[in-house]
Amino acid sequence: MTNSFLRTDAQLEGHTDLDTAQANAGVLPAAAADARPDTDPAAVPIGGTSIDGAIIPPPQRLSDTNEPAGSLVGAEVPAPVGRRPAIISHDQDEPSRALIPGAGVRVDVDFLPTPDGLHLRTAHFSPQRGTVGHTFVFLPGKSAPIENMQDQIEYIVRRGHQVFALDWRSQGLSSRTYRTDVVHVDDFASEYARDMRFFLDRVVMPARKGKVVGVAYSMGSAVLITALTHGLIAQDEFDRAFLLAPLTEARNLSTRLGRMALRVATLYDSVGWGGRYCWTTGNLDWEQELRRYASYTIRREELERIARKCQIEPRLASGGPSWAWIGAYRRYVAGLGQVPENAITVPTVILLAENDRIVCNDATAAFARRCIKDHRIVELPDAHALELGGPATIARIGDMMLDMPPQWRALH
């Protein structure tokens, strides 16, 4: 499930504030950083040495791609900047009580330490018997843990394939920053996309079998697009990609209030408030989410099922985005306008929800026509969270993912 970014005008004065000791986000002027009494002297700048003392590698650069002049592909992605406060990690020895594999499915869960001191929860789903055909990599949306995608994952696994998935930083059972419930990053490329690169290198590629298929939901699509257009992933690493309700433009952030939030995000981040909730958002409130279930799915019972999982495993809950996340989104969207024509050559299937209230389908279609060389767009009669579409939608999407023609890279 992807929490909406903004709620109602009437709630503007009621946004949740952070304790000042947790609000040291972004890059502060040197004088301001020195003057702040809540600056953590034990924190270290990200991009040199991690909290656990490991040396953080320099930005990756792929020089063997044949991209058009001026392409963002191959551009250096800087390490995350700023000073990170204490990292909040869940008990890694206590497994999720909501991640119970179905019949015929095996799941192995691990925690991947990142160079900057976090731990990302990863899961490997595989058939209990038989050989493995192909490899699928599932990338969740904002606020969504691995559990939200489990029905779609197991549909693939029961047909003889393996699936790898992860929780992004600051959500699911991965390490949180600033507070346990705010979805927070300072930058999509230097944090999300670098985490994805690390996940592929350390977890997925050593165990790959057959073709490798990327499956990205909502914000996960934004991470995959960012990685492809910044050279963190080579164009031939995925044999095919599926983007489900991809985030190329958020509806709520294209309104007058949303555009104001984008401008305010830069200001809040500059004065060290980037870790606070964006106004009108806050902790996860299932009662409120269920009242507006139609923003996510046309089947309320599917959202109720996810709510029960979070009741069983409260550690999965994620609230709204931080101001720094909003600023990172703004830079991501601005960067989409600089992506050259046909920059993405991975054959891509884009699944749009006809009743999507979260992202703008027209913006996605326009980006695909300009920047994705080989793509096909399919509209489904559902709402934004296609992973909550129910058995018929899960089967339809799964069958599309498993359609593997002899000429794999030809969609038309």
Foldseek 3Di string as FASTA:
>chain_A
DADFFFDDPVQQVPFDAADLLLLQFADEPPVLLVPDPSNDPLWDWWQAAASVGAGADAFDFDPPDDFDPLFLARAGDGADGGTFDDKAADDQVDDQPLPDDDPQKDKDWDWDAHRRGKTKIKIKIAGPDDAAAFEEEEEEAPLDAPSLLRLLQVVQRVVRHMYMYIDFEQFARIMRGSDLAARDDQALCNGVLVVVLVCCVPPNVVPGHHAYEYEYAAVRLLSVVSCLRNNSDDLPNHQEYEYALYALDWPVLVDPVNVVLLVVLVVCNHSRRQQGRRGNKDWDDLVVCLVPVQLAKPDSVLSVVVVVSCVSPVSRTHIHYGSSVSNNSVVSNVVLVSHAFQSRARAYEYEYEPSHNTHDPVSVVVSCNGHNPHYHYHYDPIYRNLSSHDDVSSVVVSVVVVPADPVRRHDD
